[in-house]
N, C-alpha and C. Protein backbone atom coordinates (compact mmCIF):
# COMPACT_ATOMS: atom_id res chain seq x y z
N UNK A 1 0.86 -1.18 -0.01
CA UNK A 1 0.00 0.01 0.04
C UNK A 1 0.86 1.21 0.05
N UNK A 2 0.52 2.20 -0.78
CA UNK A 2 1.22 3.48 -0.81
C UNK A 2 0.56 4.44 0.18
N UNK A 3 1.40 5.13 0.92
CA UNK A 3 0.88 6.09 1.89
C UNK A 3 1.53 7.44 1.55
N UNK A 4 0.70 8.44 1.35
CA UNK A 4 1.28 9.81 1.05
C UNK A 4 1.73 10.41 2.42
N UNK A 5 2.91 11.00 2.36
CA UNK A 5 3.52 11.58 3.57
C UNK A 5 2.53 12.63 4.19
N UNK A 6 1.89 13.41 3.35
CA UNK A 6 0.94 14.42 3.88
C UNK A 6 -0.20 13.81 4.62
N UNK A 7 -0.62 12.54 4.29
CA UNK A 7 -1.63 11.85 5.02
C UNK A 7 -1.25 11.41 6.38
N UNK A 8 0.07 11.49 6.72
CA UNK A 8 0.46 11.19 8.03
C UNK A 8 0.43 12.28 9.01
N UNK A 9 0.09 13.48 8.55
CA UNK A 9 -0.03 14.68 9.41
C UNK A 9 -1.11 14.38 10.39
N UNK A 10 -0.89 14.52 11.65
CA UNK A 10 -1.80 14.26 12.77
C UNK A 10 -2.03 12.75 13.06
N UNK A 11 -1.31 11.86 12.37
CA UNK A 11 -1.34 10.48 12.76
C UNK A 11 -0.79 10.26 14.17
N UNK A 12 -1.35 9.41 14.91
CA UNK A 12 -0.83 9.11 16.23
C UNK A 12 0.15 8.02 16.21
N UNK A 13 1.28 8.23 16.85
CA UNK A 13 2.28 7.13 17.00
C UNK A 13 1.86 6.26 18.15
N UNK A 14 1.53 5.02 17.89
CA UNK A 14 1.10 4.07 18.90
C UNK A 14 2.29 3.38 19.51
N UNK A 15 3.22 2.96 18.66
CA UNK A 15 4.42 2.25 19.16
C UNK A 15 5.54 2.41 18.16
N UNK A 16 6.74 2.40 18.69
CA UNK A 16 7.97 2.48 17.92
C UNK A 16 8.96 1.46 18.51
N UNK A 17 9.28 0.40 17.78
CA UNK A 17 10.17 -0.64 18.27
C UNK A 17 11.35 -0.79 17.37
N UNK A 18 12.52 -0.87 17.96
CA UNK A 18 13.73 -1.11 17.26
C UNK A 18 14.37 -2.40 17.73
N UNK A 19 14.55 -3.29 16.76
CA UNK A 19 15.12 -4.63 17.03
C UNK A 19 16.53 -4.69 16.53
N UNK A 20 17.45 -4.44 17.46
CA UNK A 20 18.84 -4.18 17.13
C UNK A 20 19.41 -5.33 16.35
N UNK A 21 19.34 -6.58 16.90
CA UNK A 21 19.99 -7.74 16.27
C UNK A 21 19.37 -8.00 14.89
N UNK A 22 18.10 -7.79 14.68
CA UNK A 22 17.43 -8.05 13.39
C UNK A 22 17.51 -6.83 12.43
N UNK A 23 18.00 -5.67 12.90
CA UNK A 23 18.12 -4.49 12.13
C UNK A 23 16.75 -4.12 11.56
N UNK A 24 15.78 -4.05 12.36
CA UNK A 24 14.41 -3.77 12.03
C UNK A 24 13.78 -2.77 12.87
N UNK A 25 13.00 -1.88 12.27
CA UNK A 25 12.19 -0.94 13.05
C UNK A 25 10.71 -1.11 12.62
N UNK A 26 9.89 -1.13 13.66
CA UNK A 26 8.43 -1.28 13.41
C UNK A 26 7.70 -0.17 14.13
N UNK A 27 6.88 0.56 13.32
CA UNK A 27 6.14 1.66 13.86
C UNK A 27 4.59 1.47 13.62
N UNK A 28 3.79 1.60 14.59
CA UNK A 28 2.34 1.44 14.42
C UNK A 28 1.77 2.88 14.58
N UNK A 29 1.01 3.25 13.59
CA UNK A 29 0.36 4.55 13.56
C UNK A 29 -1.13 4.48 13.37
N UNK A 30 -1.82 5.36 13.98
CA UNK A 30 -3.34 5.48 13.69
C UNK A 30 -3.51 6.64 12.73
N UNK A 31 -4.07 6.38 11.61
CA UNK A 31 -4.25 7.39 10.59
C UNK A 31 -5.72 7.46 10.19
N UNK A 32 -6.12 8.63 9.70
CA UNK A 32 -7.47 8.84 9.19
C UNK A 32 -7.51 8.43 7.75
N UNK A 33 -8.27 7.46 7.43
CA UNK A 33 -8.44 7.06 6.05
C UNK A 33 -9.64 7.85 5.40
N UNK A 34 -9.24 8.83 4.53
CA UNK A 34 -10.25 9.67 3.92
C UNK A 34 -11.28 8.95 3.10
N UNK A 35 -10.77 7.90 2.36
CA UNK A 35 -11.64 7.15 1.44
C UNK A 35 -12.63 6.34 2.18
N UNK A 36 -12.32 5.76 3.32
CA UNK A 36 -13.20 4.96 4.09
C UNK A 36 -13.90 5.76 5.24
N UNK A 37 -13.40 7.00 5.42
CA UNK A 37 -13.93 7.84 6.49
C UNK A 37 -13.80 7.22 7.89
N UNK A 38 -12.63 6.63 8.19
CA UNK A 38 -12.49 6.03 9.48
C UNK A 38 -11.02 6.04 9.86
N UNK A 39 -10.73 5.78 11.11
CA UNK A 39 -9.37 5.75 11.62
C UNK A 39 -8.93 4.24 11.58
N UNK A 40 -7.71 4.05 11.10
CA UNK A 40 -7.22 2.68 11.04
C UNK A 40 -5.73 2.68 11.41
N UNK A 41 -5.29 1.53 11.89
CA UNK A 41 -3.88 1.37 12.28
C UNK A 41 -3.12 0.89 11.18
N UNK A 42 -1.93 1.49 10.96
CA UNK A 42 -1.05 1.07 9.90
C UNK A 42 0.32 0.75 10.56
N UNK A 43 0.91 -0.37 10.17
CA UNK A 43 2.22 -0.74 10.67
C UNK A 43 3.28 -0.54 9.54
N UNK A 44 4.24 0.29 9.87
CA UNK A 44 5.37 0.56 8.95
C UNK A 44 6.52 -0.14 9.41
N UNK A 45 7.08 -1.04 8.61
CA UNK A 45 8.18 -1.89 8.94
C UNK A 45 9.37 -1.51 8.04
N UNK A 46 10.57 -1.38 8.60
CA UNK A 46 11.73 -1.17 7.84
C UNK A 46 12.79 -2.24 8.24
N UNK A 47 13.43 -2.81 7.22
CA UNK A 47 14.40 -3.81 7.58
C UNK A 47 15.77 -3.30 6.97
N UNK A 48 16.87 -4.01 7.31
CA UNK A 48 18.22 -3.61 6.88
C UNK A 48 18.45 -2.20 7.34
N UNK A 49 18.05 -1.81 8.56
CA UNK A 49 18.19 -0.49 9.11
C UNK A 49 19.66 -0.21 9.35
N UNK A 50 20.12 0.95 8.76
CA UNK A 50 21.49 1.36 9.02
C UNK A 50 21.58 2.56 9.90
N UNK A 51 20.45 3.25 10.10
CA UNK A 51 20.46 4.45 11.03
C UNK A 51 19.15 4.56 11.69
N UNK A 52 19.15 4.78 13.04
CA UNK A 52 17.94 4.99 13.80
C UNK A 52 18.28 5.94 14.93
N UNK A 53 17.46 6.97 15.07
CA UNK A 53 17.55 7.88 16.26
C UNK A 53 16.19 8.48 16.45
N UNK A 54 15.91 8.71 17.71
CA UNK A 54 14.63 9.26 18.18
C UNK A 54 14.87 10.13 19.41
N UNK A 55 14.39 11.36 19.36
CA UNK A 55 14.43 12.21 20.56
C UNK A 55 13.06 12.18 21.21
N UNK A 56 13.04 12.47 22.50
CA UNK A 56 11.79 12.61 23.22
C UNK A 56 11.94 13.72 24.27
N UNK A 57 12.35 14.86 23.74
CA UNK A 57 12.66 16.05 24.62
C UNK A 57 11.44 16.94 24.77
N UNK A 58 10.50 16.89 23.82
CA UNK A 58 9.29 17.62 23.85
C UNK A 58 9.48 19.16 23.97
N UNK A 59 10.32 19.78 23.09
CA UNK A 59 10.55 21.21 23.22
C UNK A 59 9.28 22.06 22.92
N UNK A 60 8.26 21.52 22.26
CA UNK A 60 7.04 22.24 22.04
C UNK A 60 5.91 21.77 22.92
N UNK A 61 6.23 20.90 23.88
CA UNK A 61 5.19 20.35 24.72
C UNK A 61 4.90 18.89 24.31
N UNK A 62 4.22 18.16 25.18
CA UNK A 62 3.94 16.77 24.92
C UNK A 62 2.95 16.54 23.74
N UNK A 63 3.33 15.56 22.97
CA UNK A 63 2.45 15.12 21.86
C UNK A 63 2.93 13.84 21.29
N UNK A 64 2.11 13.00 20.83
CA UNK A 64 2.54 11.70 20.18
C UNK A 64 1.98 11.64 18.75
N UNK A 65 1.74 12.87 18.22
CA UNK A 65 1.21 12.95 16.83
C UNK A 65 2.27 13.40 15.86
N UNK A 66 2.15 13.01 14.58
CA UNK A 66 3.10 13.39 13.60
C UNK A 66 2.77 14.81 13.03
N UNK A 67 3.79 15.55 12.88
CA UNK A 67 3.59 16.90 12.28
C UNK A 67 3.94 16.82 10.77
N UNK A 68 5.12 16.22 10.47
CA UNK A 68 5.52 16.13 9.03
C UNK A 68 6.37 14.92 8.79
N UNK A 69 6.47 14.47 7.57
CA UNK A 69 7.30 13.30 7.22
C UNK A 69 8.02 13.68 5.93
N UNK A 70 9.36 13.48 5.91
CA UNK A 70 10.18 13.62 4.72
C UNK A 70 10.78 12.25 4.32
N UNK A 71 10.77 11.89 3.03
CA UNK A 71 11.38 10.67 2.61
C UNK A 71 12.30 10.93 1.54
N UNK A 72 13.50 10.40 1.52
CA UNK A 72 14.49 10.58 0.50
C UNK A 72 15.03 9.18 0.18
N UNK A 73 15.04 8.82 -1.10
CA UNK A 73 15.61 7.57 -1.53
C UNK A 73 17.08 7.77 -1.57
N UNK A 74 17.90 7.02 -0.70
CA UNK A 74 19.35 7.22 -0.61
C UNK A 74 20.13 6.25 -1.61
N UNK A 75 19.49 5.15 -1.95
CA UNK A 75 19.96 4.25 -3.01
C UNK A 75 18.77 3.35 -3.29
N UNK A 76 18.90 2.51 -4.35
CA UNK A 76 17.80 1.75 -4.77
C UNK A 76 17.19 0.90 -3.64
N UNK A 77 15.93 1.18 -3.36
CA UNK A 77 15.23 0.46 -2.31
C UNK A 77 15.44 0.94 -0.88
N UNK A 78 16.52 1.72 -0.69
CA UNK A 78 16.83 2.25 0.68
C UNK A 78 16.28 3.65 0.81
N UNK A 79 15.56 3.88 1.90
CA UNK A 79 14.94 5.22 2.13
C UNK A 79 15.48 5.78 3.47
N UNK A 80 15.59 7.07 3.44
CA UNK A 80 15.85 7.82 4.68
C UNK A 80 14.50 8.54 5.04
N UNK A 81 14.00 8.21 6.20
CA UNK A 81 12.70 8.75 6.68
C UNK A 81 12.96 9.66 7.93
N UNK A 82 12.43 10.86 7.78
CA UNK A 82 12.53 11.77 8.93
C UNK A 82 11.10 12.18 9.28
N UNK A 83 10.75 11.89 10.54
CA UNK A 83 9.44 12.20 11.07
C UNK A 83 9.63 13.24 12.14
N UNK A 84 8.90 14.34 11.97
CA UNK A 84 8.86 15.40 13.01
C UNK A 84 7.53 15.24 13.70
N UNK A 85 7.60 15.24 15.02
CA UNK A 85 6.40 15.07 15.81
C UNK A 85 5.85 16.46 16.19
N UNK A 86 4.65 16.50 16.67
CA UNK A 86 4.09 17.80 17.04
C UNK A 86 4.62 18.29 18.43
N UNK A 87 5.47 17.47 18.97
CA UNK A 87 6.19 17.88 20.22
C UNK A 87 7.53 18.57 19.84
N UNK A 88 7.88 18.49 18.49
CA UNK A 88 9.12 19.12 18.11
C UNK A 88 10.30 18.10 18.08
N UNK A 89 9.95 16.84 18.39
CA UNK A 89 11.03 15.79 18.38
C UNK A 89 11.15 15.27 16.95
N UNK A 90 12.24 14.51 16.72
CA UNK A 90 12.52 13.93 15.39
C UNK A 90 12.81 12.43 15.54
N UNK A 91 12.32 11.67 14.54
CA UNK A 91 12.63 10.22 14.43
C UNK A 91 13.32 10.09 13.06
N UNK A 92 14.51 9.56 13.11
CA UNK A 92 15.25 9.36 11.82
C UNK A 92 15.50 7.86 11.64
N UNK A 93 15.14 7.37 10.50
CA UNK A 93 15.35 5.99 10.17
C UNK A 93 15.85 5.83 8.72
N UNK A 94 16.89 5.01 8.47
CA UNK A 94 17.35 4.69 7.15
C UNK A 94 17.25 3.18 7.02
N UNK A 95 16.45 2.71 6.00
CA UNK A 95 16.26 1.30 5.82
C UNK A 95 15.42 1.05 4.60
N UNK A 96 14.99 -0.17 4.51
CA UNK A 96 14.15 -0.60 3.40
C UNK A 96 12.75 -0.86 3.91
N UNK A 97 11.76 -0.13 3.35
CA UNK A 97 10.39 -0.34 3.68
C UNK A 97 9.92 -1.62 3.01
N UNK A 98 9.38 -2.52 3.81
CA UNK A 98 9.00 -3.81 3.20
C UNK A 98 7.47 -4.10 3.23
N UNK A 99 6.62 -3.15 3.67
CA UNK A 99 5.26 -3.42 3.63
C UNK A 99 4.36 -2.23 3.14
N UNK A 100 4.91 -1.02 3.22
CA UNK A 100 4.25 0.17 2.74
C UNK A 100 5.24 1.03 2.04
N UNK A 101 4.86 1.81 1.09
CA UNK A 101 5.68 2.72 0.42
C UNK A 101 5.22 4.12 0.75
N UNK A 102 6.16 4.92 1.26
CA UNK A 102 5.89 6.32 1.53
C UNK A 102 6.12 7.18 0.34
N UNK A 103 5.17 7.99 -0.09
CA UNK A 103 5.34 8.80 -1.29
C UNK A 103 5.03 10.29 -0.94
């Protein structure tokens, strides 16, 4: 399934798991599906992760919602994903998305 980055604005981050040994990141988000007019959970999985960092300093105050998402293809199949939360924190992941494509 293709997910537009702008559709992730206001999505709630339900969980974010990093599996060091498996080089995998799994993120569960609740997003509003405009076509179905309902909220659904989407799991974004990245494998072959080469970079992962996440801050939780909340410079703009507490929030678990997405403000913006930027995606850059760094080489064939490998993406760099930067998620800014509405708390002003950043989640950075470089890896291969294996179940959803962010566009």
